[in-house]
């Protein structure tokens, strides 16, 4: 095995990365700051800052119009995707917290994209099972409870359009996926990664972006 080419991500290098990505919009910046100020204990659940521009880029790259997000928190990723949608596009956002998503609702309204977002407060598996059958989804962003990733995957993949993109966060889970002694979420992510790798319905890559990001294309 060859050595990694990934440099150690120091604070200085991370700042450089952010400075050389598209800047956050005022609404995105305000939402990130509000989340860290008002929900400091839970702010680690927010999608990494550099993933906001990445999600916007992927929406534009794929031409996605129908998006499903599983795990919304305060809506940074939701806002990033909704802002990149073409006219008539929609994000169905799944979460269970009225408190957290209320922060997002305000930001979406401020950004002028609230009409593109269909927030559904319920256990995500129930929301997904109630979605129309057959292929119609263009893009998925999955960033929710790790123990349910496989269940979500099995509901989403059959509903993906051919060529549709699934984007899955935290697939390295703080580096704990390499430790077979780790249980809980780390074990759940190991099982999920194995399921994706064996799934002939998709082409997939696992990237060292943030806490691990899997991209899978429906064949």
N, C-alpha and C. Protein backbone atom coordinates (compact mmCIF):
# COMPACT_ATOMS: atom_id res chain seq x y z
N UNK A 1 0.84 -1.19 0.00
CA UNK A 1 0.00 0.00 0.00
C UNK A 1 0.88 1.25 0.00
N UNK A 2 0.51 2.20 -0.83
CA UNK A 2 1.27 3.44 -0.91
C UNK A 2 0.80 4.43 0.15
N UNK A 3 1.64 5.41 0.43
CA UNK A 3 1.28 6.42 1.42
C UNK A 3 0.21 7.35 0.87
N UNK A 4 -0.61 7.87 1.78
CA UNK A 4 -1.63 8.83 1.37
C UNK A 4 -1.00 10.11 0.83
N UNK A 5 -1.70 10.72 -0.10
CA UNK A 5 -1.26 12.03 -0.60
C UNK A 5 -1.99 13.16 0.11
N UNK A 6 -2.86 12.80 1.04
CA UNK A 6 -3.61 13.83 1.75
C UNK A 6 -2.73 14.51 2.79
N UNK A 7 -2.59 15.82 2.73
CA UNK A 7 -1.82 16.52 3.76
C UNK A 7 -2.63 16.59 5.06
N UNK A 8 -1.92 16.75 6.16
CA UNK A 8 -2.62 16.94 7.42
C UNK A 8 -3.40 18.25 7.34
N UNK A 9 -4.67 18.19 7.71
CA UNK A 9 -5.53 19.37 7.58
C UNK A 9 -5.38 20.24 8.82
N UNK A 10 -4.38 21.08 8.82
CA UNK A 10 -4.15 22.02 9.91
C UNK A 10 -5.19 23.14 9.85
N UNK A 11 -5.37 23.90 10.93
CA UNK A 11 -6.29 25.05 10.87
C UNK A 11 -5.93 26.02 9.76
N UNK A 12 -4.63 26.21 9.52
CA UNK A 12 -4.21 27.13 8.47
C UNK A 12 -4.59 26.60 7.09
N UNK A 13 -4.41 25.31 6.89
CA UNK A 13 -4.76 24.72 5.59
C UNK A 13 -6.28 24.71 5.40
N UNK A 14 -7.01 24.45 6.46
CA UNK A 14 -8.48 24.47 6.37
C UNK A 14 -8.97 25.88 6.01
N UNK A 15 -8.39 26.88 6.63
CA UNK A 15 -8.76 28.27 6.30
C UNK A 15 -8.45 28.56 4.84
N UNK A 16 -7.35 28.02 4.34
CA UNK A 16 -6.98 28.21 2.93
C UNK A 16 -8.03 27.57 2.02
N UNK A 17 -8.46 26.36 2.38
CA UNK A 17 -9.50 25.68 1.60
C UNK A 17 -10.76 26.52 1.54
N UNK A 18 -11.21 27.01 2.68
CA UNK A 18 -12.43 27.81 2.71
C UNK A 18 -12.27 29.09 1.88
N UNK A 19 -11.08 29.69 1.96
CA UNK A 19 -10.83 30.93 1.23
C UNK A 19 -10.80 30.72 -0.28
N UNK A 20 -10.57 29.49 -0.71
CA UNK A 20 -10.49 29.20 -2.14
C UNK A 20 -11.69 28.41 -2.64
N UNK A 21 -12.74 28.39 -1.85
CA UNK A 21 -14.04 27.89 -2.26
C UNK A 21 -14.95 29.07 -2.52
N UNK A 22 -16.05 28.87 -3.24
CA UNK A 22 -17.02 29.98 -3.36
C UNK A 22 -17.45 30.46 -1.98
N UNK A 23 -17.53 31.76 -1.77
CA UNK A 23 -17.93 32.25 -0.45
C UNK A 23 -19.38 31.91 -0.14
N UNK A 24 -19.67 31.77 1.13
CA UNK A 24 -21.06 31.57 1.54
C UNK A 24 -21.86 32.83 1.25
N UNK A 25 -23.12 32.64 0.92
CA UNK A 25 -24.02 33.78 0.77
C UNK A 25 -24.26 34.40 2.14
N UNK A 26 -24.75 35.63 2.20
CA UNK A 26 -25.08 36.22 3.51
C UNK A 26 -26.03 35.35 4.32
N UNK A 27 -27.01 34.74 3.66
CA UNK A 27 -27.96 33.88 4.38
C UNK A 27 -27.27 32.63 4.93
N UNK A 28 -26.39 32.03 4.13
CA UNK A 28 -25.65 30.86 4.61
C UNK A 28 -24.75 31.22 5.78
N UNK A 29 -24.02 32.33 5.67
CA UNK A 29 -23.12 32.75 6.74
C UNK A 29 -23.90 33.02 8.02
N UNK A 30 -25.02 33.71 7.90
CA UNK A 30 -25.83 34.02 9.08
C UNK A 30 -26.34 32.73 9.73
N UNK A 31 -26.72 31.75 8.91
CA UNK A 31 -27.23 30.49 9.45
C UNK A 31 -26.14 29.72 10.18
N UNK A 32 -24.94 29.66 9.60
CA UNK A 32 -23.83 28.99 10.27
C UNK A 32 -23.54 29.67 11.61
N UNK A 33 -23.49 30.99 11.61
CA UNK A 33 -23.19 31.73 12.84
C UNK A 33 -24.29 31.56 13.88
N UNK A 34 -25.55 31.60 13.45
CA UNK A 34 -26.67 31.42 14.37
C UNK A 34 -26.64 30.04 15.00
N UNK A 35 -26.35 29.04 14.20
CA UNK A 35 -26.30 27.66 14.71
C UNK A 35 -25.24 27.54 15.79
N UNK A 36 -24.06 28.09 15.55
CA UNK A 36 -22.97 27.98 16.53
C UNK A 36 -23.24 28.83 17.77
N UNK A 37 -23.98 29.91 17.60
CA UNK A 37 -24.28 30.78 18.74
C UNK A 37 -25.43 30.24 19.58
N UNK A 38 -26.49 29.81 18.95
CA UNK A 38 -27.72 29.44 19.68
C UNK A 38 -27.81 27.95 20.00
N UNK A 39 -27.07 27.13 19.26
CA UNK A 39 -27.13 25.69 19.49
C UNK A 39 -25.70 25.14 19.62
N UNK A 40 -24.91 25.81 20.42
CA UNK A 40 -23.48 25.50 20.50
C UNK A 40 -23.22 24.03 20.84
N UNK A 41 -24.02 23.46 21.72
CA UNK A 41 -23.79 22.08 22.14
C UNK A 41 -24.03 21.08 21.02
N UNK A 42 -24.84 21.46 20.05
CA UNK A 42 -25.19 20.55 18.96
C UNK A 42 -24.63 20.99 17.61
N UNK A 43 -23.86 22.07 17.59
CA UNK A 43 -23.42 22.66 16.32
C UNK A 43 -22.56 21.70 15.50
N UNK A 44 -21.95 20.72 16.14
CA UNK A 44 -21.17 19.74 15.40
C UNK A 44 -21.99 18.91 14.44
N UNK A 45 -23.31 18.93 14.59
CA UNK A 45 -24.19 18.21 13.66
C UNK A 45 -24.34 18.93 12.33
N UNK A 46 -23.93 20.18 12.28
CA UNK A 46 -24.07 20.95 11.05
C UNK A 46 -23.11 20.43 9.99
N UNK A 47 -23.58 20.37 8.77
CA UNK A 47 -22.74 19.99 7.64
C UNK A 47 -21.52 20.90 7.59
N UNK A 48 -20.36 20.32 7.29
CA UNK A 48 -19.13 21.10 7.24
C UNK A 48 -19.27 22.27 6.29
N UNK A 49 -18.66 23.38 6.64
CA UNK A 49 -18.84 24.62 5.87
C UNK A 49 -18.47 24.44 4.40
N UNK A 50 -17.41 23.70 4.11
CA UNK A 50 -16.99 23.54 2.72
C UNK A 50 -17.95 22.67 1.92
N UNK A 51 -18.81 21.94 2.61
CA UNK A 51 -19.77 21.10 1.90
C UNK A 51 -20.96 21.89 1.36
N UNK A 52 -21.19 23.08 1.89
CA UNK A 52 -22.27 23.89 1.35
C UNK A 52 -22.03 24.23 -0.12
N UNK A 53 -20.89 24.86 -0.46
CA UNK A 53 -20.60 25.11 -1.87
C UNK A 53 -20.51 23.82 -2.70
N UNK A 54 -20.04 22.73 -2.09
CA UNK A 54 -19.96 21.47 -2.83
C UNK A 54 -21.36 20.97 -3.19
N UNK A 55 -22.28 21.03 -2.26
CA UNK A 55 -23.65 20.58 -2.55
C UNK A 55 -24.29 21.44 -3.62
N UNK A 56 -24.08 22.75 -3.54
CA UNK A 56 -24.60 23.63 -4.58
C UNK A 56 -24.03 23.25 -5.94
N UNK A 57 -22.73 22.99 -5.97
CA UNK A 57 -22.04 22.61 -7.20
C UNK A 57 -22.63 21.32 -7.77
N UNK A 58 -22.87 20.33 -6.90
CA UNK A 58 -23.39 19.05 -7.37
C UNK A 58 -24.81 19.19 -7.91
N UNK A 59 -25.61 20.05 -7.30
CA UNK A 59 -26.96 20.28 -7.82
C UNK A 59 -26.88 20.86 -9.22
N UNK A 60 -26.02 21.84 -9.40
CA UNK A 60 -25.87 22.46 -10.72
C UNK A 60 -25.24 21.48 -11.73
N UNK A 61 -24.27 20.72 -11.29
CA UNK A 61 -23.58 19.77 -12.17
C UNK A 61 -24.54 18.71 -12.71
N UNK A 62 -25.40 18.21 -11.84
CA UNK A 62 -26.31 17.14 -12.23
C UNK A 62 -27.59 17.66 -12.86
N UNK A 63 -27.87 18.96 -12.70
CA UNK A 63 -29.14 19.50 -13.17
C UNK A 63 -30.32 18.99 -12.36
N UNK A 64 -30.07 18.61 -11.10
CA UNK A 64 -31.11 18.03 -10.26
C UNK A 64 -32.30 18.98 -10.09
N UNK A 65 -33.49 18.42 -10.13
CA UNK A 65 -34.72 19.16 -9.89
C UNK A 65 -35.48 18.61 -8.68
N UNK A 66 -35.35 17.30 -8.46
CA UNK A 66 -36.05 16.65 -7.34
C UNK A 66 -35.01 16.09 -6.38
N UNK A 67 -34.94 16.69 -5.20
CA UNK A 67 -33.92 16.33 -4.20
C UNK A 67 -34.61 15.84 -2.93
N UNK A 68 -34.04 14.83 -2.32
CA UNK A 68 -34.48 14.38 -1.00
C UNK A 68 -33.30 14.48 -0.05
N UNK A 69 -33.54 15.15 1.07
CA UNK A 69 -32.52 15.27 2.12
C UNK A 69 -33.01 14.52 3.35
N UNK A 70 -32.15 13.66 3.88
CA UNK A 70 -32.48 12.92 5.11
C UNK A 70 -31.54 13.42 6.20
N UNK A 71 -32.10 14.19 7.12
CA UNK A 71 -31.32 14.83 8.17
C UNK A 71 -31.07 16.28 7.82
N UNK A 72 -31.82 17.18 8.44
CA UNK A 72 -31.79 18.59 8.06
C UNK A 72 -31.08 19.47 9.08
N UNK A 73 -31.21 19.14 10.37
CA UNK A 73 -30.67 19.93 11.47
C UNK A 73 -31.15 21.38 11.33
N UNK A 74 -30.26 22.36 11.21
CA UNK A 74 -30.71 23.74 11.08
C UNK A 74 -30.74 24.22 9.63
N UNK A 75 -30.58 23.30 8.69
CA UNK A 75 -30.91 23.62 7.32
C UNK A 75 -29.83 24.24 6.46
N UNK A 76 -28.56 24.14 6.87
CA UNK A 76 -27.49 24.70 6.05
C UNK A 76 -27.36 23.96 4.72
N UNK A 77 -27.35 22.65 4.77
CA UNK A 77 -27.25 21.86 3.54
C UNK A 77 -28.50 22.06 2.69
N UNK A 78 -29.64 22.13 3.33
CA UNK A 78 -30.90 22.35 2.62
C UNK A 78 -30.86 23.66 1.85
N UNK A 79 -30.43 24.71 2.53
CA UNK A 79 -30.32 26.03 1.91
C UNK A 79 -29.33 25.99 0.74
N UNK A 80 -28.21 25.31 0.94
CA UNK A 80 -27.19 25.26 -0.10
C UNK A 80 -27.72 24.59 -1.37
N UNK A 81 -28.50 23.54 -1.21
CA UNK A 81 -29.05 22.84 -2.37
C UNK A 81 -30.20 23.61 -2.99
N UNK A 82 -31.09 24.12 -2.15
CA UNK A 82 -32.26 24.84 -2.67
C UNK A 82 -31.86 26.06 -3.47
N UNK A 83 -30.81 26.75 -3.03
CA UNK A 83 -30.36 27.96 -3.72
C UNK A 83 -29.83 27.66 -5.12
N UNK A 84 -29.41 26.41 -5.36
CA UNK A 84 -28.85 26.04 -6.65
C UNK A 84 -29.88 25.40 -7.59
N UNK A 85 -31.08 25.20 -7.11
CA UNK A 85 -32.10 24.53 -7.93
C UNK A 85 -32.56 25.40 -9.08
N UNK A 86 -32.91 24.78 -10.19
CA UNK A 86 -33.53 25.53 -11.27
C UNK A 86 -35.00 25.84 -10.92
N UNK A 87 -35.62 26.67 -11.72
CA UNK A 87 -37.03 27.01 -11.52
C UNK A 87 -37.86 25.74 -11.48
N UNK A 88 -38.72 25.63 -10.47
CA UNK A 88 -39.58 24.47 -10.34
C UNK A 88 -38.97 23.32 -9.56
N UNK A 89 -37.71 23.45 -9.15
CA UNK A 89 -37.07 22.40 -8.38
C UNK A 89 -37.55 22.37 -6.94
N UNK A 90 -37.33 21.24 -6.28
CA UNK A 90 -37.84 21.07 -4.91
C UNK A 90 -36.90 20.20 -4.10
N UNK A 91 -36.75 20.55 -2.82
CA UNK A 91 -36.06 19.72 -1.84
C UNK A 91 -37.09 19.22 -0.84
N UNK A 92 -37.22 17.92 -0.71
CA UNK A 92 -37.99 17.33 0.39
C UNK A 92 -37.00 17.08 1.52
N UNK A 93 -37.18 17.78 2.63
CA UNK A 93 -36.24 17.73 3.76
C UNK A 93 -36.88 16.96 4.91
N UNK A 94 -36.20 15.92 5.36
CA UNK A 94 -36.73 15.04 6.40
C UNK A 94 -35.99 15.26 7.72
N UNK A 95 -36.74 15.53 8.78
CA UNK A 95 -36.13 15.67 10.10
C UNK A 95 -37.21 15.40 11.14
N UNK A 96 -36.79 15.28 12.40
CA UNK A 96 -37.74 15.03 13.48
C UNK A 96 -37.82 16.19 14.48
N UNK A 97 -37.00 17.23 14.27
CA UNK A 97 -36.91 18.30 15.27
C UNK A 97 -37.54 19.60 14.77
N UNK A 98 -38.61 20.01 15.41
CA UNK A 98 -39.18 21.33 15.12
C UNK A 98 -38.25 22.44 15.61
N UNK A 99 -37.57 22.19 16.74
CA UNK A 99 -36.69 23.21 17.30
C UNK A 99 -35.54 23.53 16.35
N UNK A 100 -34.82 22.51 15.92
CA UNK A 100 -33.67 22.74 15.06
C UNK A 100 -34.09 23.30 13.71
N UNK A 101 -35.13 22.72 13.11
CA UNK A 101 -35.50 23.15 11.77
C UNK A 101 -36.15 24.53 11.76
N UNK A 102 -36.64 25.00 12.91
CA UNK A 102 -37.19 26.36 12.96
C UNK A 102 -36.11 27.39 12.65
N UNK A 103 -34.87 27.10 13.04
CA UNK A 103 -33.75 27.97 12.70
C UNK A 103 -33.57 28.00 11.18
N UNK A 104 -33.67 26.83 10.57
CA UNK A 104 -33.55 26.74 9.13
C UNK A 104 -34.67 27.45 8.40
N UNK A 105 -35.89 27.30 8.88
CA UNK A 105 -37.04 27.94 8.22
C UNK A 105 -36.82 29.45 8.09
N UNK A 106 -36.33 30.05 9.15
CA UNK A 106 -36.09 31.50 9.11
C UNK A 106 -35.03 31.84 8.08
N UNK A 107 -33.98 31.04 8.01
CA UNK A 107 -32.90 31.30 7.05
C UNK A 107 -33.38 31.09 5.62
N UNK A 108 -34.19 30.06 5.41
CA UNK A 108 -34.70 29.80 4.06
C UNK A 108 -35.57 30.97 3.59
N UNK A 109 -36.38 31.49 4.50
CA UNK A 109 -37.21 32.64 4.14
C UNK A 109 -36.36 33.86 3.82
N UNK A 110 -35.34 34.09 4.64
CA UNK A 110 -34.45 35.24 4.40
C UNK A 110 -33.75 35.12 3.05
N UNK A 111 -33.44 33.88 2.65
CA UNK A 111 -32.73 33.66 1.39
C UNK A 111 -33.67 33.62 0.19
N UNK A 112 -34.97 33.62 0.44
CA UNK A 112 -35.94 33.59 -0.65
C UNK A 112 -36.10 32.23 -1.31
N UNK A 113 -35.80 31.15 -0.58
CA UNK A 113 -35.91 29.81 -1.16
C UNK A 113 -36.91 28.92 -0.41
N UNK A 114 -37.66 29.50 0.51
CA UNK A 114 -38.58 28.68 1.32
C UNK A 114 -39.59 27.94 0.46
N UNK A 115 -39.97 28.53 -0.66
CA UNK A 115 -40.97 27.89 -1.51
C UNK A 115 -40.41 26.69 -2.26
N UNK A 116 -39.10 26.48 -2.20
CA UNK A 116 -38.48 25.33 -2.86
C UNK A 116 -38.28 24.16 -1.91
N UNK A 117 -38.60 24.35 -0.64
CA UNK A 117 -38.30 23.35 0.39
C UNK A 117 -39.58 22.83 1.02
N UNK A 118 -39.74 21.53 0.99
CA UNK A 118 -40.89 20.84 1.58
C UNK A 118 -40.37 20.09 2.81
N UNK A 119 -40.49 20.73 3.98
CA UNK A 119 -39.99 20.14 5.23
C UNK A 119 -41.03 19.19 5.80
N UNK A 120 -40.61 17.97 6.09
CA UNK A 120 -41.50 16.96 6.64
C UNK A 120 -40.96 16.49 7.98
N UNK A 121 -41.70 16.83 9.04
CA UNK A 121 -41.30 16.49 10.40
C UNK A 121 -41.94 15.16 10.78
N UNK A 122 -41.13 14.14 10.80
CA UNK A 122 -41.57 12.77 11.13
C UNK A 122 -40.33 11.89 11.09
N UNK A 123 -40.41 10.69 11.65
CA UNK A 123 -39.28 9.76 11.45
C UNK A 123 -39.02 9.60 9.96
N UNK A 124 -37.76 9.75 9.57
CA UNK A 124 -37.44 9.78 8.14
C UNK A 124 -37.86 8.52 7.42
N UNK A 125 -37.75 7.38 8.07
CA UNK A 125 -38.11 6.13 7.39
C UNK A 125 -39.58 6.13 7.01
N UNK A 126 -40.42 6.74 7.84
CA UNK A 126 -41.85 6.83 7.51
C UNK A 126 -42.06 7.76 6.32
N UNK A 127 -41.36 8.89 6.32
CA UNK A 127 -41.46 9.82 5.20
C UNK A 127 -41.01 9.16 3.91
N UNK A 128 -39.90 8.45 3.95
CA UNK A 128 -39.38 7.82 2.74
C UNK A 128 -40.31 6.75 2.22
N UNK A 129 -40.86 5.96 3.10
CA UNK A 129 -41.76 4.88 2.66
C UNK A 129 -43.06 5.42 2.06
N UNK A 130 -43.40 6.65 2.42
CA UNK A 130 -44.61 7.26 1.89
C UNK A 130 -44.38 7.98 0.56
N UNK A 131 -43.13 8.09 0.13
CA UNK A 131 -42.83 8.76 -1.13
C UNK A 131 -43.31 7.92 -2.31
N UNK A 132 -43.57 8.56 -3.45
CA UNK A 132 -44.00 7.79 -4.63
C UNK A 132 -42.98 6.72 -5.00
N UNK A 133 -43.50 5.59 -5.48
CA UNK A 133 -42.63 4.51 -5.94
C UNK A 133 -42.05 4.85 -7.30
N UNK A 134 -41.05 4.08 -7.71
CA UNK A 134 -40.49 4.26 -9.04
C UNK A 134 -39.46 5.36 -9.08
N UNK A 135 -38.69 5.43 -10.16
CA UNK A 135 -37.60 6.41 -10.25
C UNK A 135 -38.09 7.82 -10.54
N UNK A 136 -37.74 8.76 -9.63
CA UNK A 136 -38.10 10.17 -9.83
C UNK A 136 -37.15 11.12 -9.12
N UNK A 137 -36.30 10.62 -8.23
CA UNK A 137 -35.39 11.47 -7.47
C UNK A 137 -34.09 11.67 -8.25
N UNK A 138 -33.62 12.91 -8.31
CA UNK A 138 -32.38 13.23 -9.01
C UNK A 138 -31.16 13.23 -8.10
N UNK A 139 -31.35 13.66 -6.84
CA UNK A 139 -30.21 13.80 -5.93
C UNK A 139 -30.68 13.58 -4.50
N UNK A 140 -29.87 12.88 -3.75
CA UNK A 140 -30.13 12.63 -2.32
C UNK A 140 -28.94 13.13 -1.52
N UNK A 141 -29.23 13.76 -0.38
CA UNK A 141 -28.18 14.03 0.61
C UNK A 141 -28.59 13.36 1.90
N UNK A 142 -27.77 12.43 2.36
CA UNK A 142 -28.06 11.64 3.56
C UNK A 142 -27.06 11.99 4.65
N UNK A 143 -27.58 12.54 5.75
CA UNK A 143 -26.74 12.95 6.88
C UNK A 143 -27.61 12.89 8.13
N UNK A 144 -27.89 11.68 8.58
CA UNK A 144 -28.86 11.50 9.67
C UNK A 144 -28.32 10.42 10.63
N UNK A 145 -29.21 9.77 11.37
CA UNK A 145 -28.81 8.77 12.34
C UNK A 145 -28.14 7.59 11.62
N UNK A 146 -26.94 7.29 12.03
CA UNK A 146 -26.09 6.35 11.29
C UNK A 146 -26.64 4.92 11.32
N UNK A 147 -27.29 4.56 12.40
CA UNK A 147 -27.83 3.21 12.51
C UNK A 147 -28.92 2.91 11.51
N UNK A 148 -29.49 3.94 10.90
CA UNK A 148 -30.57 3.75 9.93
C UNK A 148 -30.13 3.96 8.49
N UNK A 149 -28.85 4.19 8.27
CA UNK A 149 -28.38 4.49 6.91
C UNK A 149 -28.78 3.40 5.91
N UNK A 150 -28.61 2.14 6.26
CA UNK A 150 -28.94 1.08 5.32
C UNK A 150 -30.43 1.08 5.02
N UNK A 151 -31.26 1.28 6.03
CA UNK A 151 -32.71 1.33 5.80
C UNK A 151 -33.07 2.48 4.87
N UNK A 152 -32.47 3.64 5.09
CA UNK A 152 -32.73 4.78 4.21
C UNK A 152 -32.27 4.46 2.78
N UNK A 153 -31.09 3.89 2.68
CA UNK A 153 -30.53 3.54 1.37
C UNK A 153 -31.50 2.65 0.58
N UNK A 154 -32.03 1.65 1.25
CA UNK A 154 -32.89 0.70 0.56
C UNK A 154 -34.21 1.33 0.12
N UNK A 155 -34.64 2.37 0.79
CA UNK A 155 -35.83 3.10 0.35
C UNK A 155 -35.51 4.06 -0.79
N UNK A 156 -34.32 4.61 -0.78
CA UNK A 156 -33.98 5.68 -1.72
C UNK A 156 -33.50 5.16 -3.08
N UNK A 157 -32.65 4.15 -3.07
CA UNK A 157 -32.04 3.71 -4.33
C UNK A 157 -33.08 3.34 -5.39
N UNK A 158 -34.14 2.59 -5.05
CA UNK A 158 -35.12 2.26 -6.09
C UNK A 158 -35.88 3.47 -6.63
N UNK A 159 -35.86 4.58 -5.90
CA UNK A 159 -36.57 5.78 -6.32
C UNK A 159 -35.69 6.76 -7.10
N UNK A 160 -34.42 6.40 -7.28
CA UNK A 160 -33.49 7.28 -7.98
C UNK A 160 -33.67 7.16 -9.49
N UNK A 161 -33.65 8.29 -10.17
CA UNK A 161 -33.58 8.27 -11.63
C UNK A 161 -32.26 7.67 -12.07
N UNK A 162 -32.22 7.01 -13.25
CA UNK A 162 -30.92 6.57 -13.78
C UNK A 162 -29.97 7.77 -13.89
N UNK A 163 -28.78 7.60 -13.38
CA UNK A 163 -27.81 8.70 -13.34
C UNK A 163 -27.97 9.59 -12.14
N UNK A 164 -28.98 9.36 -11.31
CA UNK A 164 -29.18 10.15 -10.10
C UNK A 164 -28.03 9.95 -9.12
N UNK A 165 -27.81 10.95 -8.29
CA UNK A 165 -26.65 10.98 -7.39
C UNK A 165 -27.08 10.91 -5.94
N UNK A 166 -26.50 9.98 -5.20
CA UNK A 166 -26.66 9.90 -3.75
C UNK A 166 -25.38 10.40 -3.10
N UNK A 167 -25.51 11.34 -2.18
CA UNK A 167 -24.39 11.94 -1.46
C UNK A 167 -24.57 11.59 0.01
N UNK A 168 -23.62 10.89 0.58
CA UNK A 168 -23.78 10.38 1.95
C UNK A 168 -22.64 10.89 2.82
N UNK A 169 -22.99 11.52 3.92
CA UNK A 169 -22.00 12.15 4.80
C UNK A 169 -21.58 11.22 5.93
N UNK A 170 -20.41 11.52 6.50
CA UNK A 170 -19.88 10.84 7.70
C UNK A 170 -19.52 9.38 7.46
N UNK A 171 -19.10 9.04 6.25
CA UNK A 171 -18.81 7.65 5.95
C UNK A 171 -17.41 7.20 6.37
N UNK A 172 -16.67 8.08 7.03
CA UNK A 172 -15.45 7.66 7.74
C UNK A 172 -15.64 7.71 9.25
N UNK A 173 -16.68 8.35 9.69
CA UNK A 173 -17.08 8.45 11.10
C UNK A 173 -15.90 8.67 12.04
N UNK A 174 -15.29 9.84 11.90
CA UNK A 174 -14.20 10.27 12.79
C UNK A 174 -13.00 9.32 12.75
N UNK A 175 -12.88 8.57 11.67
CA UNK A 175 -11.79 7.61 11.56
C UNK A 175 -12.02 6.30 12.29
N UNK A 176 -13.17 6.15 12.94
CA UNK A 176 -13.43 4.96 13.76
C UNK A 176 -13.81 3.75 12.92
N UNK A 177 -14.08 3.94 11.63
CA UNK A 177 -14.49 2.80 10.81
C UNK A 177 -13.39 1.76 10.66
N UNK A 178 -12.16 2.13 10.90
CA UNK A 178 -11.06 1.17 10.75
C UNK A 178 -10.86 0.31 11.99
N UNK A 179 -11.58 0.60 13.05
CA UNK A 179 -11.41 -0.13 14.31
C UNK A 179 -12.55 -1.13 14.46
N UNK A 180 -12.28 -2.42 14.26
CA UNK A 180 -13.36 -3.42 14.35
C UNK A 180 -13.93 -3.55 15.76
N UNK A 181 -13.23 -3.02 16.74
CA UNK A 181 -13.74 -3.07 18.11
C UNK A 181 -14.76 -2.01 18.42
N UNK A 182 -14.92 -1.06 17.53
CA UNK A 182 -15.89 0.01 17.75
C UNK A 182 -17.29 -0.47 17.39
N UNK A 183 -18.23 -0.22 18.28
CA UNK A 183 -19.62 -0.55 18.01
C UNK A 183 -20.40 0.69 17.64
N UNK A 184 -21.69 0.67 17.89
CA UNK A 184 -22.53 1.84 17.71
C UNK A 184 -22.51 2.37 16.29
N UNK A 185 -22.38 3.69 16.18
CA UNK A 185 -22.44 4.34 14.88
C UNK A 185 -21.28 3.95 13.98
N UNK A 186 -20.10 3.74 14.56
CA UNK A 186 -18.95 3.34 13.75
C UNK A 186 -19.22 1.99 13.08
N UNK A 187 -19.76 1.04 13.84
CA UNK A 187 -20.09 -0.27 13.27
C UNK A 187 -21.19 -0.14 12.22
N UNK A 188 -22.15 0.75 12.47
CA UNK A 188 -23.23 0.95 11.50
C UNK A 188 -22.69 1.51 10.20
N UNK A 189 -21.74 2.42 10.29
CA UNK A 189 -21.16 2.99 9.07
C UNK A 189 -20.30 1.95 8.35
N UNK A 190 -19.57 1.11 9.08
CA UNK A 190 -18.83 0.04 8.43
C UNK A 190 -19.77 -0.87 7.64
N UNK A 191 -20.89 -1.22 8.25
CA UNK A 191 -21.86 -2.07 7.57
C UNK A 191 -22.46 -1.36 6.35
N UNK A 192 -22.73 -0.08 6.51
CA UNK A 192 -23.27 0.69 5.38
C UNK A 192 -22.28 0.75 4.23
N UNK A 193 -21.02 1.05 4.53
CA UNK A 193 -20.01 1.14 3.48
C UNK A 193 -19.87 -0.19 2.73
N UNK A 194 -19.95 -1.29 3.46
CA UNK A 194 -19.87 -2.60 2.83
C UNK A 194 -21.09 -2.84 1.94
N UNK A 195 -22.26 -2.39 2.40
CA UNK A 195 -23.48 -2.56 1.59
C UNK A 195 -23.38 -1.76 0.29
N UNK A 196 -22.92 -0.54 0.38
CA UNK A 196 -22.79 0.29 -0.82
C UNK A 196 -21.80 -0.34 -1.80
N UNK A 197 -20.67 -0.79 -1.30
CA UNK A 197 -19.63 -1.36 -2.17
C UNK A 197 -20.14 -2.59 -2.90
N UNK A 198 -21.05 -3.34 -2.27
CA UNK A 198 -21.57 -4.57 -2.87
C UNK A 198 -22.81 -4.33 -3.72
N UNK A 199 -23.33 -3.11 -3.75
CA UNK A 199 -24.60 -2.82 -4.41
C UNK A 199 -24.38 -2.59 -5.90
N UNK A 200 -24.85 -3.51 -6.71
CA UNK A 200 -24.64 -3.43 -8.16
C UNK A 200 -25.56 -2.41 -8.83
N UNK A 201 -26.45 -1.80 -8.05
CA UNK A 201 -27.35 -0.78 -8.62
C UNK A 201 -26.67 0.57 -8.75
N UNK A 202 -25.47 0.72 -8.18
CA UNK A 202 -24.80 2.02 -8.17
C UNK A 202 -23.32 1.87 -8.51
N UNK A 203 -22.75 2.96 -9.03
CA UNK A 203 -21.31 3.17 -9.04
C UNK A 203 -21.00 4.10 -7.87
N UNK A 204 -19.91 3.85 -7.15
CA UNK A 204 -19.68 4.64 -5.94
C UNK A 204 -18.21 4.93 -5.72
N UNK A 205 -17.97 6.04 -5.03
CA UNK A 205 -16.63 6.38 -4.55
C UNK A 205 -16.75 6.92 -3.14
N UNK A 206 -15.75 6.63 -2.31
CA UNK A 206 -15.69 7.16 -0.96
C UNK A 206 -14.53 8.15 -0.91
N UNK A 207 -14.81 9.39 -0.53
CA UNK A 207 -13.83 10.47 -0.56
C UNK A 207 -13.49 10.95 0.85
N UNK A 208 -12.28 11.45 1.01
CA UNK A 208 -11.85 11.99 2.30
C UNK A 208 -12.20 13.47 2.38
N UNK A 209 -13.45 13.77 2.17
CA UNK A 209 -13.98 15.13 2.32
C UNK A 209 -14.64 15.22 3.68
N UNK A 210 -14.27 16.22 4.46
CA UNK A 210 -14.83 16.39 5.82
C UNK A 210 -14.69 15.07 6.58
N UNK A 211 -15.81 14.49 7.05
CA UNK A 211 -15.78 13.26 7.84
C UNK A 211 -16.03 12.03 6.97
N UNK A 212 -15.68 12.15 5.69
CA UNK A 212 -15.93 11.07 4.74
C UNK A 212 -17.21 11.33 3.97
N UNK A 213 -17.12 11.31 2.66
CA UNK A 213 -18.28 11.59 1.81
C UNK A 213 -18.33 10.53 0.71
N UNK A 214 -19.44 9.82 0.63
CA UNK A 214 -19.65 8.84 -0.41
C UNK A 214 -20.54 9.42 -1.50
N UNK A 215 -20.10 9.27 -2.75
CA UNK A 215 -20.91 9.63 -3.90
C UNK A 215 -21.27 8.35 -4.63
N UNK A 216 -22.55 8.18 -4.91
CA UNK A 216 -23.00 6.97 -5.61
C UNK A 216 -23.96 7.37 -6.72
N UNK A 217 -23.70 6.86 -7.92
CA UNK A 217 -24.54 7.16 -9.09
C UNK A 217 -25.40 5.96 -9.41
N UNK A 218 -26.69 6.20 -9.52
CA UNK A 218 -27.62 5.11 -9.88
C UNK A 218 -27.41 4.72 -11.33
N UNK A 219 -27.15 3.44 -11.56
CA UNK A 219 -26.90 2.97 -12.93
C UNK A 219 -28.21 2.61 -13.61
